[in-house]
Amino acid sequence: MTFNLARRRFLQTASGAMALSALGAYGVELVNQKPKRVGLIGCGWYGKSDLFRLIQVAPVEVVSLCDVDERMLAEAVTLVSQRQKSGQKPRAFTDYRKMLQEKDLDIVLIGTPDHWHALQMIDAVAAGSDVYVQKPISVDVAEGEAMLAAARKHNRVVQVGTQRKSTPHLIEAKKNIIEAGRLGKIGHVEICCYYHMRANEKPPLSTVPDFLNYEMWTGPAPLRPYDNLPHRRWWRAFTEYGNGITGDMCIHMLDTVRWMLGLGWPERVSSTGGILVQKDSASNISDTQTATFTYPELNVVWQHRTWGTPPDPDYPWAMFLYGDKGTLKASVTRYDFIPQGGGEPIHRDWLDESDQFPEDKTEKDIELHAAPATRRHMLDFLAAIDQRSRPVADIEEGHISTASCILANLSMELDGRPLAYDPQKQTVTNDEEATRLLRRAYRAPWKHPGDKA
């Protein structure tokens, strides 16, 4: 299996990406090689979704699945055997370390909660696998530095699931609006999310079900008394396992803006917010937050609320790029260019490929608008593996976007004071207190990867 580089470049252009629909037009050229052997760690909603998109675009063989929930694992084994061409049932593991000990996986996909990403990615590259890891890559900045170092040490390709970089209409907007100069001088960017994504309930404690290894699910995170909330896809509502709405949703939009405008590390990050409205919930993440990512001659300002209504109902999770010649509104489903002082506005919607991939229409919980982007993201990943090159969402770019969002949360924790991270020294400049917060404590017996030689 090989991926022609010229076609890969075509895939990343606006005209090419918008034109692609059928599998043959996805830029895949096959030769007589064995399908790459694939394993998935974390068989929940998005782990399976990523895996199914990979199966759709490449002749892979899924040989291993891992999850600490035995029911979820058994269901995934059945679904994968129905979806992959061979019809074979993958091996089932409840401990990812045993899965990786086999050392027979070309590719490992990681779809676990955020607090597991670092250890699993580092162990996977050490076992010789290339990795597709979901965003955000880490729950603290030191984890991200260790992940980047491990990827480079073992010379593995690591693609991060920030698939907006592979979204057809956003690729077009980058080329035909921004790079074409239609916005002129861009002096301000706003990014936002107004989805109601917080667990606003307080259930009683309950018994851990027999099919769930809650100790292993928790891993290096603090062990909360079991109330069934995190296990029911509400783990993002707790700071023990992630970084809230900023860590979950801001990273997508910040990463996309960085890609579109060629931005690296922000000069400084500041943030304010907290639990201002939804105070009667078990959730401990902020319900309201504003963050400013400062770049030379440009601020990127993030806002989220898990209550109320969005200012622009067409763009509840979005980015707004303001130039002296016009404005670009963009989201995962559409974009609108509004020129200043007359001229023709431009509107695009997301590319629907469900007719070419009819299984999309019946897949449980699928994000239809994201499927075309994820398919292209997987192909970019495979092309990078073939060329031993950096993918479009390389681990370093994922680390910068993740760490920037984590710094926003740290700034909020430190009463809004600006933080300037130095990636060479791996410290917050002139701020010992903030530097100490770059690494969270791990629950024994798990060891933080920043402590490993």
Protein backbone atom coordinates (compact mmCIF):
# COMPACT_ATOMS: atom_id res chain seq x y z
CA MET A 1 0.00 0.00 0.00
CA THR A 2 1.48 3.34 -1.01
CA PHE A 3 0.18 6.87 -1.34
CA ASN A 4 1.34 8.90 -4.33
CA LEU A 5 2.84 12.17 -3.08
CA ALA A 6 1.60 14.27 -5.97
CA ARG A 7 -1.94 13.08 -5.33
CA ARG A 8 -1.45 13.72 -1.64
CA ARG A 9 -0.64 17.34 -2.45
CA PHE A 10 -3.69 17.49 -4.70
CA LEU A 11 -5.75 16.21 -1.77
CA GLN A 12 -4.62 19.18 0.31
CA THR A 13 -5.58 21.81 -2.26
CA ALA A 14 -8.96 23.49 -2.21
CA SER A 15 -10.02 22.48 -5.71
CA GLY A 16 -8.84 18.92 -5.20
CA ALA A 17 -10.41 18.49 -1.80
CA MET A 18 -13.76 19.87 -2.89
CA ALA A 19 -13.79 17.66 -5.98
CA LEU A 20 -12.97 14.39 -4.24
CA SER A 21 -15.87 12.10 -3.56
CA ALA A 22 -15.32 8.47 -4.50
CA LEU A 23 -12.57 6.33 -2.97
CA GLY A 24 -10.54 6.27 -6.17
CA ALA A 25 -10.36 10.05 -6.14
CA TYR A 26 -9.01 10.04 -2.58
CA GLY A 27 -5.49 9.73 -3.91
CA VAL A 28 -4.88 6.08 -2.93
CA GLU A 29 -2.66 3.94 -5.14
CA LEU A 30 -2.31 0.32 -4.10
CA VAL A 31 0.62 -2.01 -4.72
CA ASN A 32 1.10 -5.59 -3.60
CA GLN A 33 1.77 -5.06 0.06
CA LYS A 34 0.14 -6.57 3.06
CA PRO A 35 -2.48 -4.36 4.71
CA LYS A 36 -1.15 -2.42 7.66
CA ARG A 37 -1.99 -4.01 10.98
CA VAL A 38 -4.03 -1.70 13.19
CA GLY A 39 -4.94 -1.57 16.87
CA LEU A 40 -7.35 0.74 18.68
CA ILE A 41 -7.06 1.77 22.34
CA GLY A 42 -10.37 3.15 23.56
CA CYS A 43 -13.43 1.69 21.85
CA GLY A 44 -15.93 4.39 22.73
CA TRP A 45 -17.69 6.82 20.44
CA TYR A 46 -14.85 8.63 18.70
CA GLY A 47 -12.33 5.82 18.86
CA LYS A 48 -14.61 3.65 16.74
CA SER A 49 -15.49 6.59 14.50
CA ASP A 50 -11.82 7.22 13.70
CA LEU A 51 -11.24 3.53 13.06
CA PHE A 52 -14.23 3.22 10.73
CA ARG A 53 -13.01 6.19 8.67
CA LEU A 54 -9.61 4.50 8.32
CA ILE A 55 -11.25 1.25 7.22
CA GLN A 56 -13.19 3.18 4.57
CA VAL A 57 -10.11 4.57 2.82
CA ALA A 58 -7.35 1.96 3.21
CA PRO A 59 -7.03 -1.85 3.07
CA VAL A 60 -5.97 -2.16 6.71
CA GLU A 61 -6.48 -5.17 8.95
CA VAL A 62 -7.72 -4.37 12.46
CA VAL A 63 -6.10 -7.04 14.59
CA SER A 64 -6.39 -5.67 18.15
CA LEU A 65 -8.89 -3.70 20.19
CA CYS A 66 -8.53 -2.56 23.79
CA ASP A 67 -10.96 -1.13 26.31
CA VAL A 68 -11.46 -1.36 30.07
CA ASP A 69 -15.22 -1.70 29.53
CA GLU A 70 -15.82 -5.33 28.55
CA ARG A 71 -19.27 -4.63 27.08
CA MET A 72 -17.98 -1.79 24.94
CA LEU A 73 -15.06 -3.95 23.87
CA ALA A 74 -17.24 -6.89 22.86
CA GLU A 75 -19.53 -4.62 20.85
CA ALA A 76 -16.54 -3.09 19.07
CA VAL A 77 -15.14 -6.51 18.17
CA THR A 78 -18.43 -7.39 16.49
CA LEU A 79 -18.78 -4.08 14.69
CA VAL A 80 -15.21 -4.14 13.37
CA SER A 81 -15.58 -7.69 12.08
CA GLN A 82 -18.66 -6.52 10.17
CA ARG A 83 -16.92 -3.46 8.75
CA GLN A 84 -13.52 -4.78 7.68
CA LYS A 85 -13.09 -6.66 4.44
CA SER A 86 -11.60 -9.81 5.96
CA GLY A 87 -14.52 -10.26 8.34
CA GLN A 88 -12.04 -11.33 11.01
CA LYS A 89 -12.67 -10.54 14.66
CA PRO A 90 -9.84 -8.57 16.27
CA ARG A 91 -8.15 -9.76 19.43
CA ALA A 92 -9.62 -8.18 22.56
CA PHE A 93 -7.55 -6.69 25.38
CA THR A 94 -8.54 -4.91 28.58
CA ASP A 95 -4.99 -3.66 29.27
CA TYR A 96 -3.34 -1.67 26.50
CA ARG A 97 0.12 -2.66 27.72
CA LYS A 98 -0.57 -6.31 26.92
CA MET A 99 -1.79 -5.32 23.48
CA LEU A 100 1.40 -3.38 22.78
CA GLN A 101 3.59 -6.19 24.12
CA GLU A 102 2.71 -8.16 20.98
CA LYS A 103 4.72 -5.58 18.96
CA ASP A 104 2.86 -6.52 15.78
CA LEU A 105 0.94 -3.30 15.11
CA ASP A 106 1.92 -0.92 12.32
CA ILE A 107 -0.62 1.67 13.47
CA VAL A 108 -2.19 2.40 16.84
CA LEU A 109 -5.23 4.67 17.18
CA ILE A 110 -5.82 6.24 20.60
CA GLY A 111 -9.38 7.26 21.45
CA THR A 112 -9.25 7.14 25.25
CA PRO A 113 -10.04 10.05 27.61
CA ASP A 114 -7.40 12.77 27.64
CA HIS A 115 -5.71 11.70 30.87
CA TRP A 116 -4.53 8.50 29.16
CA HIS A 117 -3.17 9.96 25.91
CA ALA A 118 0.40 10.60 27.01
CA LEU A 119 1.26 7.21 28.46
CA GLN A 120 -0.45 5.30 25.67
CA MET A 121 1.11 7.30 22.83
CA ILE A 122 4.59 7.08 24.32
CA ASP A 123 4.27 3.33 24.89
CA ALA A 124 2.90 2.82 21.37
CA VAL A 125 5.78 4.60 19.60
CA ALA A 126 8.25 2.75 21.83
CA ALA A 127 6.64 -0.50 20.63
CA GLY A 128 7.34 0.52 17.02
CA SER A 129 3.91 1.78 15.93
CA ASP A 130 2.92 4.95 14.15
CA VAL A 131 0.12 6.65 16.07
CA TYR A 132 -3.09 8.59 15.48
CA VAL A 133 -3.95 10.23 18.81
CA GLN A 134 -7.05 12.21 19.57
CA LYS A 135 -6.86 15.81 20.70
CA PRO A 136 -6.01 17.39 23.02
CA ILE A 137 -2.83 15.38 23.18
CA SER A 138 -2.34 15.82 26.94
CA VAL A 139 -3.73 17.15 30.20
CA ASP A 140 -0.57 18.99 31.20
CA VAL A 141 2.20 20.73 29.29
CA ALA A 142 4.98 18.44 30.50
CA GLU A 143 3.14 15.41 29.10
CA GLY A 144 3.05 17.08 25.70
CA GLU A 145 6.78 17.76 25.77
CA ALA A 146 7.42 14.09 26.64
CA MET A 147 5.13 12.92 23.83
CA LEU A 148 6.91 15.08 21.26
CA ALA A 149 10.30 13.85 22.47
CA ALA A 150 9.19 10.21 22.27
CA ALA A 151 7.84 10.58 18.73
CA ARG A 152 11.14 12.07 17.57
CA LYS A 153 13.30 9.60 19.54
CA HIS A 154 11.59 6.58 17.99
CA ASN A 155 11.18 8.21 14.56
CA ARG A 156 7.46 7.51 14.44
CA VAL A 157 4.72 9.38 12.60
CA VAL A 158 2.15 10.81 15.01
CA GLN A 159 -0.98 12.45 13.64
CA VAL A 160 -3.27 14.37 16.01
CA GLY A 161 -7.05 14.30 15.52
CA THR A 162 -7.32 17.99 14.71
CA GLN A 163 -8.99 17.17 11.41
CA ARG A 164 -10.08 20.71 10.64
CA LYS A 165 -6.81 20.90 8.70
CA SER A 166 -8.25 18.22 6.42
CA THR A 167 -11.76 19.71 6.17
CA PRO A 168 -12.53 20.45 2.49
CA HIS A 169 -14.37 23.76 2.87
CA LEU A 170 -11.80 25.06 5.38
CA ILE A 171 -8.94 24.11 3.06
CA GLU A 172 -10.74 26.13 0.40
CA ALA A 173 -11.21 29.09 2.75
CA LYS A 174 -7.51 29.08 3.62
CA LYS A 175 -6.49 29.12 -0.05
CA ASN A 176 -9.18 31.19 -1.73
CA ILE A 177 -9.92 33.72 1.02
CA ILE A 178 -6.88 34.09 3.28
CA GLU A 179 -3.98 33.24 0.97
CA ALA A 180 -5.69 35.08 -1.91
CA GLY A 181 -5.57 38.26 0.20
CA ARG A 182 -9.32 38.84 0.27
CA LEU A 183 -9.24 39.70 3.99
CA GLY A 184 -6.35 42.11 3.68
CA LYS A 185 -4.54 42.84 6.93
CA ILE A 186 -5.90 40.53 9.63
CA GLY A 187 -5.74 42.32 12.96
CA HIS A 188 -8.08 40.36 15.19
CA VAL A 189 -9.52 36.83 15.48
CA GLU A 190 -12.35 35.59 17.68
CA ILE A 191 -12.99 31.90 18.36
CA CYS A 192 -15.86 30.54 20.41
CA CYS A 193 -18.07 27.71 21.56
CA TYR A 194 -21.55 28.16 22.98
CA TYR A 195 -22.62 24.52 23.10
CA HIS A 196 -24.17 23.33 26.35
CA MET A 197 -21.54 20.67 27.05
CA ARG A 198 -21.43 20.52 30.83
CA ALA A 199 -22.82 17.75 33.05
CA ASN A 200 -25.38 19.73 34.98
CA GLU A 201 -26.51 17.04 37.37
CA LYS A 202 -25.33 15.60 40.65
CA PRO A 203 -26.12 11.87 40.75
CA PRO A 204 -25.67 9.74 43.86
CA LEU A 205 -22.69 7.44 44.24
CA SER A 206 -23.21 3.99 42.78
CA THR A 207 -21.56 0.59 42.54
CA VAL A 208 -18.97 0.13 39.82
CA PRO A 209 -20.46 -2.29 37.28
CA ASP A 210 -18.81 -5.71 36.91
CA PHE A 211 -17.96 -5.09 33.25
CA LEU A 212 -15.88 -1.95 33.99
CA ASN A 213 -12.36 -1.89 35.42
CA TYR A 214 -12.72 1.52 37.05
CA GLU A 215 -9.25 1.42 38.58
CA MET A 216 -7.71 1.03 35.11
CA TRP A 217 -10.15 3.53 33.58
CA THR A 218 -8.90 6.10 36.10
CA GLY A 219 -5.24 5.22 35.63
CA PRO A 220 -2.96 8.16 36.52
CA ALA A 221 -5.86 10.51 37.31
CA PRO A 222 -7.29 11.05 40.82
CA LEU A 223 -9.70 8.27 41.80
CA ARG A 224 -13.13 9.90 42.14
CA PRO A 225 -15.92 8.08 43.97
CA TYR A 226 -17.91 6.34 41.25
CA ASP A 227 -21.13 8.10 40.20
CA ASN A 228 -21.32 6.86 36.58
CA LEU A 229 -21.00 10.37 35.13
CA PRO A 230 -17.51 10.24 33.57
CA HIS A 231 -18.03 6.77 32.20
CA ARG A 232 -21.17 7.98 30.38
CA ARG A 233 -19.10 10.27 28.12
CA TRP A 234 -19.20 13.07 30.71
CA TRP A 235 -15.54 12.74 31.67
CA ARG A 236 -14.76 16.04 29.90
CA ALA A 237 -16.86 17.80 32.55
CA PHE A 238 -14.20 17.04 35.18
CA THR A 239 -10.76 18.59 35.52
CA GLU A 240 -9.41 15.26 36.78
CA TYR A 241 -9.51 13.90 33.23
CA GLY A 242 -9.16 16.87 30.91
CA ASN A 243 -9.17 20.62 30.51
CA GLY A 244 -12.84 21.41 30.08
CA ILE A 245 -14.40 23.22 27.14
CA THR A 246 -11.17 25.10 26.46
CA GLY A 247 -9.19 21.86 26.23
CA ASP A 248 -11.88 20.15 24.20
CA MET A 249 -13.26 22.77 21.82
CA CYS A 250 -10.88 25.73 21.83
CA ILE A 251 -8.02 23.54 20.66
CA HIS A 252 -9.83 22.80 17.39
CA MET A 253 -10.45 26.44 16.57
CA LEU A 254 -7.10 27.73 17.83
CA ASP A 255 -5.28 25.01 15.91
CA THR A 256 -7.20 25.88 12.74
CA VAL A 257 -6.45 29.59 13.08
CA ARG A 258 -2.78 28.81 13.66
CA TRP A 259 -2.72 26.63 10.53
CA MET A 260 -4.56 29.17 8.42
CA LEU A 261 -2.35 32.10 9.48
CA GLY A 262 0.96 30.31 10.00
CA LEU A 263 1.16 31.02 13.74
CA GLY A 264 3.38 29.21 16.24
CA TRP A 265 3.54 29.61 20.00
CA PRO A 266 1.67 32.63 21.36
CA GLU A 267 3.82 35.26 23.03
CA ARG A 268 1.59 35.06 26.10
CA VAL A 269 -1.75 33.66 27.20
CA SER A 270 -4.21 35.10 29.69
CA SER A 271 -7.67 33.98 30.76
CA THR A 272 -10.49 34.69 33.19
CA GLY A 273 -13.69 32.84 34.01
CA GLY A 274 -15.05 30.12 36.24
CA ILE A 275 -18.31 28.57 37.33
CA LEU A 276 -20.46 31.66 37.22
CA VAL A 277 -23.96 30.34 36.47
CA GLN A 278 -24.26 26.54 36.73
CA LYS A 279 -23.25 26.18 40.36
CA ASP A 280 -25.40 23.20 41.36
CA SER A 281 -23.63 20.59 39.25
CA ALA A 282 -21.13 17.83 39.98
CA SER A 283 -19.08 19.19 37.08
CA ASN A 284 -16.03 21.23 38.09
CA ILE A 285 -15.02 22.78 34.75
CA SER A 286 -15.72 26.42 33.95
CA ASP A 287 -19.12 27.30 32.50
CA THR A 288 -17.85 30.71 31.32
CA GLN A 289 -14.37 31.58 30.12
CA THR A 290 -12.49 34.12 28.02
CA ALA A 291 -8.88 33.62 26.91
CA THR A 292 -6.54 35.82 24.90
CA PHE A 293 -3.68 34.32 22.89
CA THR A 294 -1.33 37.17 22.01
CA TYR A 295 0.69 37.10 18.79
CA PRO A 296 2.66 39.91 17.11
CA GLU A 297 0.09 42.40 15.74
CA LEU A 298 -2.74 39.94 16.39
CA ASN A 299 -4.85 38.71 19.27
CA VAL A 300 -6.86 35.47 19.11
CA VAL A 301 -9.67 35.72 21.68
CA TRP A 302 -11.58 32.66 22.88
CA GLN A 303 -15.00 32.73 24.55
CA HIS A 304 -17.18 29.90 25.77
CA ARG A 305 -20.41 29.67 27.70
CA THR A 306 -22.22 26.43 28.50
CA TRP A 307 -25.43 28.40 29.08
CA GLY A 308 -27.41 31.02 27.17
CA THR A 309 -27.47 31.54 23.42
CA PRO A 310 -24.71 32.22 20.86
CA PRO A 311 -24.33 35.75 19.43
CA ASP A 312 -24.48 34.30 15.91
CA PRO A 313 -26.81 31.29 15.81
CA ASP A 314 -25.29 30.14 12.49
CA TYR A 315 -21.87 29.94 14.11
CA PRO A 316 -22.15 28.56 17.67
CA TRP A 317 -18.70 26.89 17.47
CA ALA A 318 -16.60 28.92 15.12
CA MET A 319 -13.84 31.33 14.21
CA PHE A 320 -14.19 34.91 13.00
CA LEU A 321 -11.19 36.43 11.19
CA TYR A 322 -11.37 40.20 10.82
CA GLY A 323 -9.37 41.94 8.11
CA ASP A 324 -9.39 45.48 6.80
CA LYS A 325 -10.91 44.20 3.54
CA GLY A 326 -13.49 41.78 4.92
CA THR A 327 -14.53 39.18 7.47
CA LEU A 328 -14.33 35.39 7.33
CA LYS A 329 -16.75 33.37 9.44
CA ALA A 330 -15.91 29.65 9.52
CA SER A 331 -17.07 26.54 11.34
CA VAL A 332 -17.01 22.77 10.93
CA THR A 333 -20.08 22.93 8.67
CA ARG A 334 -19.71 26.14 6.61
CA TYR A 335 -17.93 29.39 5.90
CA ASP A 336 -18.96 32.87 4.83
CA PHE A 337 -16.73 35.59 3.43
CA ILE A 338 -18.19 39.08 3.79
CA PRO A 339 -16.23 41.71 1.84
CA GLN A 340 -15.85 45.23 3.16
CA GLY A 341 -17.54 48.00 1.16
CA GLY A 342 -19.29 45.95 -1.48
CA GLY A 343 -18.17 43.01 -3.54
CA GLU A 344 -19.57 39.51 -3.82
CA PRO A 345 -19.91 37.48 -0.61
CA ILE A 346 -18.86 33.82 -0.75
CA HIS A 347 -20.61 30.97 1.04
CA ARG A 348 -19.65 27.28 1.24
CA ASP A 349 -21.14 24.32 3.09
CA TRP A 350 -19.48 21.12 4.24
CA LEU A 351 -18.92 18.34 1.73
CA ASP A 352 -21.48 15.55 2.16
CA GLU A 353 -20.12 12.20 1.00
CA SER A 354 -22.76 9.92 2.46
CA ASP A 355 -23.89 8.79 -0.99
CA GLN A 356 -20.36 7.57 -1.70
CA PHE A 357 -20.09 5.99 1.76
CA PRO A 358 -23.62 4.72 2.50
CA GLU A 359 -22.53 3.11 5.79
CA ASP A 360 -22.22 6.68 7.11
CA LYS A 361 -26.01 6.94 7.00
CA THR A 362 -26.57 4.12 9.47
CA GLU A 363 -23.53 4.40 11.76
CA LYS A 364 -24.57 5.14 15.33
CA ASP A 365 -23.66 8.63 16.61
CA ILE A 366 -21.62 9.53 13.53
CA GLU A 367 -20.74 13.19 12.95
CA LEU A 368 -21.60 13.28 9.26
CA HIS A 369 -19.97 16.65 8.68
CA ALA A 370 -16.70 15.41 10.19
CA ALA A 371 -16.49 12.13 8.28
CA PRO A 372 -15.03 13.59 5.03
CA ALA A 373 -12.42 15.48 7.04
CA THR A 374 -11.42 12.44 9.08
CA ARG A 375 -11.11 10.29 5.96
CA ARG A 376 -8.73 12.84 4.44
CA HIS A 377 -6.91 13.15 7.75
CA MET A 378 -6.35 9.39 7.78
CA LEU A 379 -5.02 9.48 4.22
CA ASP A 380 -2.63 12.29 5.10
CA PHE A 381 -1.47 10.16 8.05
CA LEU A 382 -0.93 7.13 5.80
CA ALA A 383 0.91 9.21 3.22
CA ALA A 384 3.24 10.50 5.95
CA ILE A 385 3.88 6.92 7.07
CA ASP A 386 4.66 5.93 3.48
CA GLN A 387 7.04 8.88 3.01
CA ARG A 388 8.34 8.88 6.63
CA SER A 389 7.46 12.56 6.73
CA ARG A 390 5.49 14.89 9.02
CA PRO A 391 1.70 14.76 8.66
CA VAL A 392 -0.47 17.88 8.44
CA ALA A 393 -1.38 17.59 12.15
CA ASP A 394 2.03 16.50 13.41
CA ILE A 395 2.46 15.92 17.14
CA GLU A 396 4.45 19.15 17.50
CA GLU A 397 1.58 21.23 16.13
CA GLY A 398 -0.85 19.34 18.35
CA HIS A 399 1.38 20.03 21.34
CA ILE A 400 1.51 23.78 20.66
CA SER A 401 -2.28 24.03 20.36
CA THR A 402 -2.91 21.78 23.36
CA ALA A 403 -0.38 23.50 25.60
CA SER A 404 -1.72 26.93 24.67
CA CYS A 405 -5.18 25.89 25.86
CA ILE A 406 -3.75 24.39 29.04
CA LEU A 407 -1.91 27.66 29.70
CA ALA A 408 -5.23 29.49 29.36
CA ASN A 409 -6.69 27.32 32.12
CA LEU A 410 -3.61 27.87 34.28
CA SER A 411 -3.90 31.63 33.78
CA MET A 412 -7.54 31.48 34.89
CA GLU A 413 -6.45 29.49 37.96
CA LEU A 414 -3.85 32.19 38.68
CA ASP A 415 -6.39 35.04 38.65
CA GLY A 416 -5.88 35.88 35.01
CA ARG A 417 -2.21 36.79 35.00
CA PRO A 418 -0.50 36.49 31.59
CA LEU A 419 1.75 33.47 31.06
CA ALA A 420 4.60 33.31 28.55
CA TYR A 421 5.77 29.73 27.91
CA ASP A 422 9.35 29.09 26.78
CA PRO A 423 9.35 25.75 24.89
CA GLN A 424 13.15 25.61 24.88
CA LYS A 425 13.47 25.91 28.66
CA GLN A 426 10.04 24.30 29.21
CA THR A 427 9.19 26.92 31.82
CA VAL A 428 6.84 29.85 32.19
CA THR A 429 9.06 32.90 31.96
CA ASN A 430 9.62 34.63 35.32
CA ASP A 431 6.84 32.64 37.00
CA GLU A 432 7.92 29.79 39.26
CA GLU A 433 4.39 29.13 40.49
CA ALA A 434 3.02 28.68 36.96
CA THR A 435 6.03 26.55 36.00
CA ARG A 436 5.22 24.13 38.83
CA LEU A 437 1.69 23.79 37.42
CA LEU A 438 2.98 22.61 34.04
CA ARG A 439 3.15 19.08 35.45
CA ARG A 440 0.25 17.47 37.31
CA ALA A 441 0.74 14.83 39.98
CA TYR A 442 0.13 11.23 38.88
CA ARG A 443 -1.67 8.71 41.04
CA ALA A 444 0.56 5.84 42.15
CA PRO A 445 1.78 3.51 40.79
CA TRP A 446 1.67 5.42 37.50
CA LYS A 447 4.73 7.51 36.67
CA HIS A 448 4.56 10.83 34.85
CA PRO A 449 6.38 10.52 31.49
CA GLY A 450 8.28 13.73 32.28
CA ASP A 451 9.99 11.79 35.10
CA LYS A 452 11.29 9.06 32.78
CA ALA A 453 14.86 9.15 31.56
